[in-house]
Amino acid sequence: MNEPWPDSLVMRVLSVTAENDSCQDIWWRVDGEYAPITIFVNCNDVFWWGCADSEAITADNLDIFEQAYRDAPKQGGLLFCCRVRGMRPQGAYYQYLDDSEKPLFDACGPEREIGIGNPL
């Protein structure tokens, strides 16, 4: 079972996504093992082709989440996921990044090997 989140931490997540018009980046669960609340960033198809995926925001990585949005307001959620995993997105995702954002994602991890989950 997750440790209870103070309301202030939940408000930090909601405020960051609202301020960056990125509310669609997150979702949450409050049932079973996810109670009282677990907040996730959707990262479907970012790391592997055709893969549903998410990364949990925790009290331990909330600062990384906030910094990612300061560094890349339009792509903060996905930059957060890459930083937490220490991994670049698959090559096909780079077409959605501005040139100024690409170095931020490159810095998240080593270059990805081309393969079935990373076709480009």
N, C-alpha and C. Protein backbone atom coordinates (compact mmCIF):
# COMPACT_ATOMS: atom_id res chain seq x y z
N MET A 1 0.83 -1.18 0.00
CA MET A 1 0.00 0.00 0.00
C MET A 1 0.88 1.24 0.00
N ASN A 2 0.48 2.25 -0.77
CA ASN A 2 1.24 3.49 -0.86
C ASN A 2 1.10 4.31 0.40
N GLU A 3 2.14 5.08 0.68
CA GLU A 3 2.07 6.03 1.78
C GLU A 3 1.09 7.13 1.38
N PRO A 4 0.31 7.64 2.32
CA PRO A 4 -0.62 8.73 2.00
C PRO A 4 0.13 9.96 1.49
N TRP A 5 -0.41 10.56 0.47
CA TRP A 5 0.13 11.80 -0.06
C TRP A 5 -0.49 12.96 0.68
N PRO A 6 0.31 13.86 1.20
CA PRO A 6 -0.29 15.09 1.75
C PRO A 6 -0.99 15.85 0.63
N ASP A 7 -2.05 16.53 0.96
CA ASP A 7 -2.78 17.30 -0.04
C ASP A 7 -1.87 18.26 -0.78
N SER A 8 -0.85 18.78 -0.12
CA SER A 8 0.04 19.74 -0.76
C SER A 8 0.80 19.11 -1.93
N LEU A 9 1.15 17.82 -1.84
CA LEU A 9 1.85 17.16 -2.95
C LEU A 9 0.92 16.95 -4.13
N VAL A 10 -0.30 16.55 -3.86
CA VAL A 10 -1.29 16.40 -4.94
C VAL A 10 -1.50 17.75 -5.62
N MET A 11 -1.60 18.80 -4.84
CA MET A 11 -1.80 20.13 -5.42
C MET A 11 -0.61 20.56 -6.25
N ARG A 12 0.59 20.17 -5.87
CA ARG A 12 1.77 20.50 -6.68
C ARG A 12 1.67 19.86 -8.06
N VAL A 13 1.29 18.59 -8.11
CA VAL A 13 1.15 17.90 -9.39
C VAL A 13 0.05 18.56 -10.23
N LEU A 14 -1.10 18.80 -9.62
CA LEU A 14 -2.21 19.40 -10.36
C LEU A 14 -1.87 20.80 -10.83
N SER A 15 -1.19 21.56 -10.00
CA SER A 15 -0.83 22.93 -10.38
C SER A 15 0.14 22.95 -11.56
N VAL A 16 1.15 22.10 -11.52
CA VAL A 16 2.13 22.06 -12.61
C VAL A 16 1.44 21.71 -13.93
N THR A 17 0.60 20.71 -13.92
CA THR A 17 -0.05 20.31 -15.17
C THR A 17 -1.05 21.37 -15.63
N ALA A 18 -1.76 22.01 -14.72
CA ALA A 18 -2.71 23.06 -15.10
C ALA A 18 -1.97 24.27 -15.66
N GLU A 19 -0.91 24.69 -15.01
CA GLU A 19 -0.14 25.85 -15.46
C GLU A 19 0.45 25.65 -16.84
N ASN A 20 0.72 24.41 -17.20
CA ASN A 20 1.33 24.09 -18.50
C ASN A 20 0.32 23.55 -19.50
N ASP A 21 -0.96 23.67 -19.18
CA ASP A 21 -2.04 23.18 -20.04
C ASP A 21 -1.78 21.73 -20.46
N SER A 22 -1.39 20.92 -19.47
CA SER A 22 -1.00 19.53 -19.71
C SER A 22 -1.78 18.55 -18.85
N CYS A 23 -2.99 18.88 -18.50
CA CYS A 23 -3.78 18.01 -17.64
C CYS A 23 -3.99 16.63 -18.25
N GLN A 24 -3.94 16.54 -19.57
CA GLN A 24 -4.10 15.26 -20.25
C GLN A 24 -2.90 14.34 -20.05
N ASP A 25 -1.79 14.86 -19.52
CA ASP A 25 -0.59 14.06 -19.32
C ASP A 25 -0.71 13.09 -18.15
N ILE A 26 -1.60 13.39 -17.21
CA ILE A 26 -1.66 12.57 -15.99
C ILE A 26 -2.99 11.84 -15.87
N TRP A 27 -2.97 10.80 -15.07
CA TRP A 27 -4.17 10.07 -14.65
C TRP A 27 -3.86 9.46 -13.30
N TRP A 28 -4.85 8.97 -12.64
CA TRP A 28 -4.67 8.48 -11.29
C TRP A 28 -5.59 7.33 -10.98
N ARG A 29 -5.21 6.62 -9.92
CA ARG A 29 -6.05 5.54 -9.39
C ARG A 29 -6.10 5.69 -7.88
N VAL A 30 -7.21 5.26 -7.32
CA VAL A 30 -7.40 5.38 -5.87
C VAL A 30 -7.87 4.06 -5.26
N ASP A 31 -7.83 2.99 -6.05
CA ASP A 31 -8.34 1.71 -5.58
C ASP A 31 -7.21 0.74 -5.26
N GLY A 32 -7.53 -0.26 -4.44
CA GLY A 32 -6.62 -1.37 -4.17
C GLY A 32 -5.21 -0.93 -3.82
N GLU A 33 -4.24 -1.49 -4.52
CA GLU A 33 -2.84 -1.21 -4.25
C GLU A 33 -2.47 0.25 -4.53
N TYR A 34 -3.32 0.98 -5.24
CA TYR A 34 -3.03 2.36 -5.60
C TYR A 34 -3.58 3.37 -4.60
N ALA A 35 -4.34 2.90 -3.61
CA ALA A 35 -4.92 3.78 -2.59
C ALA A 35 -3.82 4.32 -1.67
N PRO A 36 -3.94 5.47 -1.11
CA PRO A 36 -5.08 6.37 -1.27
C PRO A 36 -5.10 7.07 -2.62
N ILE A 37 -3.94 7.33 -3.23
CA ILE A 37 -3.89 7.86 -4.59
C ILE A 37 -2.52 7.58 -5.18
N THR A 38 -2.51 7.20 -6.44
CA THR A 38 -1.29 7.08 -7.22
C THR A 38 -1.52 7.85 -8.50
N ILE A 39 -0.62 8.78 -8.79
CA ILE A 39 -0.73 9.61 -9.99
C ILE A 39 0.34 9.16 -10.97
N PHE A 40 -0.05 9.02 -12.22
CA PHE A 40 0.83 8.53 -13.28
C PHE A 40 0.94 9.55 -14.41
N VAL A 41 2.05 9.49 -15.12
CA VAL A 41 2.21 10.21 -16.39
C VAL A 41 2.08 9.17 -17.49
N ASN A 42 1.20 9.44 -18.44
CA ASN A 42 1.00 8.55 -19.58
C ASN A 42 2.20 8.68 -20.51
N CYS A 43 2.83 7.56 -20.82
CA CYS A 43 3.95 7.58 -21.77
C CYS A 43 3.80 6.44 -22.79
N ASN A 44 2.56 6.24 -23.25
CA ASN A 44 2.30 5.24 -24.28
C ASN A 44 3.14 5.52 -25.52
N ASP A 45 3.73 4.49 -26.08
CA ASP A 45 4.49 4.55 -27.33
C ASP A 45 5.71 5.45 -27.28
N VAL A 46 6.12 5.89 -26.13
CA VAL A 46 7.30 6.76 -26.04
C VAL A 46 8.57 5.93 -26.02
N PHE A 47 8.59 4.86 -25.26
CA PHE A 47 9.80 4.06 -25.14
C PHE A 47 9.84 2.88 -26.10
N TRP A 48 8.68 2.27 -26.34
CA TRP A 48 8.60 1.12 -27.23
C TRP A 48 7.37 1.26 -28.11
N TRP A 49 7.52 0.90 -29.35
CA TRP A 49 6.46 0.97 -30.34
C TRP A 49 5.29 0.08 -29.93
N GLY A 50 4.09 0.63 -29.97
CA GLY A 50 2.87 -0.14 -29.69
C GLY A 50 2.75 -0.61 -28.26
N CYS A 51 3.21 0.19 -27.30
CA CYS A 51 3.21 -0.24 -25.90
C CYS A 51 2.50 0.78 -25.02
N ALA A 52 1.49 0.32 -24.28
CA ALA A 52 0.86 1.16 -23.27
C ALA A 52 1.79 1.22 -22.07
N ASP A 53 2.00 2.42 -21.52
CA ASP A 53 2.99 2.57 -20.47
C ASP A 53 2.69 3.82 -19.65
N SER A 54 3.20 3.85 -18.44
CA SER A 54 3.07 5.02 -17.58
C SER A 54 4.19 5.01 -16.56
N GLU A 55 4.41 6.15 -15.94
CA GLU A 55 5.40 6.30 -14.89
C GLU A 55 4.72 6.97 -13.70
N ALA A 56 4.86 6.39 -12.53
CA ALA A 56 4.23 6.94 -11.33
C ALA A 56 4.99 8.16 -10.83
N ILE A 57 4.25 9.16 -10.44
CA ILE A 57 4.82 10.32 -9.76
C ILE A 57 4.76 9.99 -8.27
N THR A 58 5.89 10.14 -7.61
CA THR A 58 5.96 9.84 -6.19
C THR A 58 6.50 11.07 -5.45
N ALA A 59 6.41 11.04 -4.15
CA ALA A 59 7.00 12.12 -3.35
C ALA A 59 8.51 12.20 -3.61
N ASP A 60 9.15 11.06 -3.91
CA ASP A 60 10.59 11.04 -4.15
C ASP A 60 10.99 11.62 -5.51
N ASN A 61 10.10 11.57 -6.50
CA ASN A 61 10.48 12.09 -7.83
C ASN A 61 9.67 13.33 -8.24
N LEU A 62 8.91 13.89 -7.32
CA LEU A 62 8.09 15.07 -7.64
C LEU A 62 8.95 16.25 -8.07
N ASP A 63 10.13 16.43 -7.49
CA ASP A 63 11.01 17.52 -7.92
C ASP A 63 11.45 17.34 -9.37
N ILE A 64 11.68 16.10 -9.79
CA ILE A 64 12.05 15.82 -11.18
C ILE A 64 10.88 16.18 -12.10
N PHE A 65 9.67 15.86 -11.68
CA PHE A 65 8.46 16.19 -12.44
C PHE A 65 8.35 17.70 -12.64
N GLU A 66 8.51 18.45 -11.57
CA GLU A 66 8.39 19.91 -11.66
C GLU A 66 9.50 20.50 -12.53
N GLN A 67 10.73 20.01 -12.38
CA GLN A 67 11.84 20.53 -13.17
C GLN A 67 11.66 20.22 -14.65
N ALA A 68 11.13 19.05 -14.96
CA ALA A 68 10.91 18.68 -16.36
C ALA A 68 9.97 19.68 -17.05
N TYR A 69 8.94 20.11 -16.36
CA TYR A 69 8.03 21.11 -16.94
C TYR A 69 8.67 22.49 -17.03
N ARG A 70 9.59 22.81 -16.12
CA ARG A 70 10.32 24.09 -16.26
C ARG A 70 11.24 24.04 -17.47
N ASP A 71 11.84 22.87 -17.71
CA ASP A 71 12.77 22.72 -18.82
C ASP A 71 12.08 22.61 -20.17
N ALA A 72 10.93 21.95 -20.22
CA ALA A 72 10.22 21.70 -21.49
C ALA A 72 8.72 21.76 -21.24
N PRO A 73 8.14 22.96 -21.17
CA PRO A 73 6.73 23.09 -20.80
C PRO A 73 5.76 22.26 -21.64
N LYS A 74 6.03 22.09 -22.93
CA LYS A 74 5.11 21.30 -23.77
C LYS A 74 5.32 19.80 -23.64
N GLN A 75 6.49 19.39 -23.22
CA GLN A 75 6.84 17.96 -23.16
C GLN A 75 7.28 17.53 -21.77
N GLY A 76 6.93 18.31 -20.76
CA GLY A 76 7.42 18.05 -19.41
C GLY A 76 7.09 16.67 -18.87
N GLY A 77 5.88 16.19 -19.12
CA GLY A 77 5.50 14.88 -18.62
C GLY A 77 6.38 13.77 -19.17
N LEU A 78 6.62 13.83 -20.46
CA LEU A 78 7.44 12.79 -21.08
C LEU A 78 8.91 12.94 -20.73
N LEU A 79 9.36 14.18 -20.60
CA LEU A 79 10.74 14.40 -20.16
C LEU A 79 10.93 13.84 -18.75
N PHE A 80 9.94 14.02 -17.90
CA PHE A 80 9.97 13.42 -16.56
C PHE A 80 10.15 11.91 -16.65
N CYS A 81 9.34 11.24 -17.48
CA CYS A 81 9.43 9.78 -17.62
C CYS A 81 10.82 9.36 -18.07
N CYS A 82 11.37 10.07 -19.05
CA CYS A 82 12.70 9.73 -19.55
C CYS A 82 13.76 9.92 -18.48
N ARG A 83 13.66 11.00 -17.74
CA ARG A 83 14.64 11.26 -16.68
C ARG A 83 14.56 10.21 -15.58
N VAL A 84 13.37 9.86 -15.17
CA VAL A 84 13.22 8.86 -14.10
C VAL A 84 13.77 7.52 -14.55
N ARG A 85 13.55 7.16 -15.79
CA ARG A 85 14.02 5.86 -16.30
C ARG A 85 15.47 5.89 -16.77
N GLY A 86 16.02 7.09 -16.94
CA GLY A 86 17.38 7.20 -17.46
C GLY A 86 17.46 6.68 -18.88
N MET A 87 16.44 7.01 -19.67
CA MET A 87 16.29 6.40 -21.00
C MET A 87 15.74 7.43 -21.99
N ARG A 88 16.28 7.42 -23.18
CA ARG A 88 15.75 8.26 -24.25
C ARG A 88 14.45 7.65 -24.79
N PRO A 89 13.61 8.48 -25.40
CA PRO A 89 12.44 7.91 -26.08
C PRO A 89 12.89 7.16 -27.33
N GLN A 90 11.99 6.35 -27.88
CA GLN A 90 12.31 5.69 -29.14
C GLN A 90 12.53 6.75 -30.22
N GLY A 91 13.30 6.41 -31.23
CA GLY A 91 13.65 7.36 -32.27
C GLY A 91 12.46 7.99 -32.98
N ALA A 92 11.39 7.23 -33.16
CA ALA A 92 10.21 7.76 -33.85
C ALA A 92 9.57 8.92 -33.09
N TYR A 93 9.79 9.00 -31.79
CA TYR A 93 9.17 10.07 -31.01
C TYR A 93 9.82 11.43 -31.28
N TYR A 94 11.04 11.45 -31.73
CA TYR A 94 11.77 12.70 -31.92
C TYR A 94 11.10 13.64 -32.92
N GLN A 95 10.28 13.12 -33.81
CA GLN A 95 9.59 13.98 -34.78
C GLN A 95 8.60 14.93 -34.09
N TYR A 96 8.20 14.61 -32.86
CA TYR A 96 7.25 15.45 -32.13
C TYR A 96 7.94 16.49 -31.25
N LEU A 97 9.25 16.48 -31.22
CA LEU A 97 10.01 17.40 -30.38
C LEU A 97 10.50 18.60 -31.17
N ASP A 98 10.53 19.75 -30.52
CA ASP A 98 11.17 20.92 -31.10
C ASP A 98 12.68 20.71 -31.03
N ASP A 99 13.41 21.39 -31.90
CA ASP A 99 14.87 21.26 -31.88
C ASP A 99 15.46 21.62 -30.52
N SER A 100 14.84 22.57 -29.82
CA SER A 100 15.35 22.96 -28.50
C SER A 100 15.11 21.88 -27.45
N GLU A 101 14.16 21.00 -27.68
CA GLU A 101 13.84 19.94 -26.71
C GLU A 101 14.69 18.68 -26.91
N LYS A 102 15.15 18.45 -28.11
CA LYS A 102 15.88 17.21 -28.40
C LYS A 102 17.10 17.00 -27.51
N PRO A 103 17.92 18.03 -27.25
CA PRO A 103 19.07 17.80 -26.35
C PRO A 103 18.65 17.41 -24.93
N LEU A 104 17.51 17.90 -24.46
CA LEU A 104 17.02 17.52 -23.13
C LEU A 104 16.71 16.03 -23.07
N PHE A 105 16.11 15.51 -24.13
CA PHE A 105 15.78 14.09 -24.18
C PHE A 105 17.03 13.25 -24.43
N ASP A 106 17.96 13.76 -25.24
CA ASP A 106 19.22 13.04 -25.47
C ASP A 106 19.98 12.85 -24.16
N ALA A 107 19.90 13.84 -23.28
CA ALA A 107 20.64 13.79 -22.01
C ALA A 107 20.08 12.77 -21.03
N CYS A 108 18.93 12.19 -21.34
CA CYS A 108 18.29 11.25 -20.41
C CYS A 108 18.93 9.88 -20.40
N GLY A 109 19.66 9.54 -21.44
CA GLY A 109 20.26 8.21 -21.47
C GLY A 109 21.01 8.00 -22.76
N PRO A 110 21.63 6.84 -22.90
CA PRO A 110 22.40 6.55 -24.12
C PRO A 110 21.50 6.41 -25.34
N GLU A 111 22.10 6.55 -26.51
CA GLU A 111 21.37 6.37 -27.76
C GLU A 111 20.76 4.98 -27.79
N ARG A 112 19.55 4.91 -28.30
CA ARG A 112 18.82 3.63 -28.34
C ARG A 112 19.23 2.80 -29.55
N GLU A 113 19.33 1.50 -29.34
CA GLU A 113 19.60 0.56 -30.43
C GLU A 113 18.31 0.38 -31.24
N ILE A 114 18.44 0.34 -32.56
CA ILE A 114 17.30 0.12 -33.45
C ILE A 114 16.86 -1.34 -33.33
N GLY A 115 15.57 -1.55 -33.21
CA GLY A 115 15.04 -2.89 -33.10
C GLY A 115 13.52 -2.87 -33.17
N ILE A 116 12.88 -3.97 -32.84
CA ILE A 116 11.44 -4.09 -32.99
C ILE A 116 10.66 -3.07 -32.16
N GLY A 117 11.11 -2.72 -30.97
CA GLY A 117 10.43 -1.74 -30.15
C GLY A 117 10.86 -0.32 -30.42
N ASN A 118 11.93 -0.16 -31.21
CA ASN A 118 12.50 1.14 -31.54
C ASN A 118 12.88 1.11 -33.01
N PRO A 119 11.90 1.24 -33.93
CA PRO A 119 12.17 1.01 -35.33
C PRO A 119 12.94 2.12 -36.06
N LEU A 120 13.04 3.29 -35.47
CA LEU A 120 13.75 4.39 -36.16
C LEU A 120 14.95 4.86 -35.37
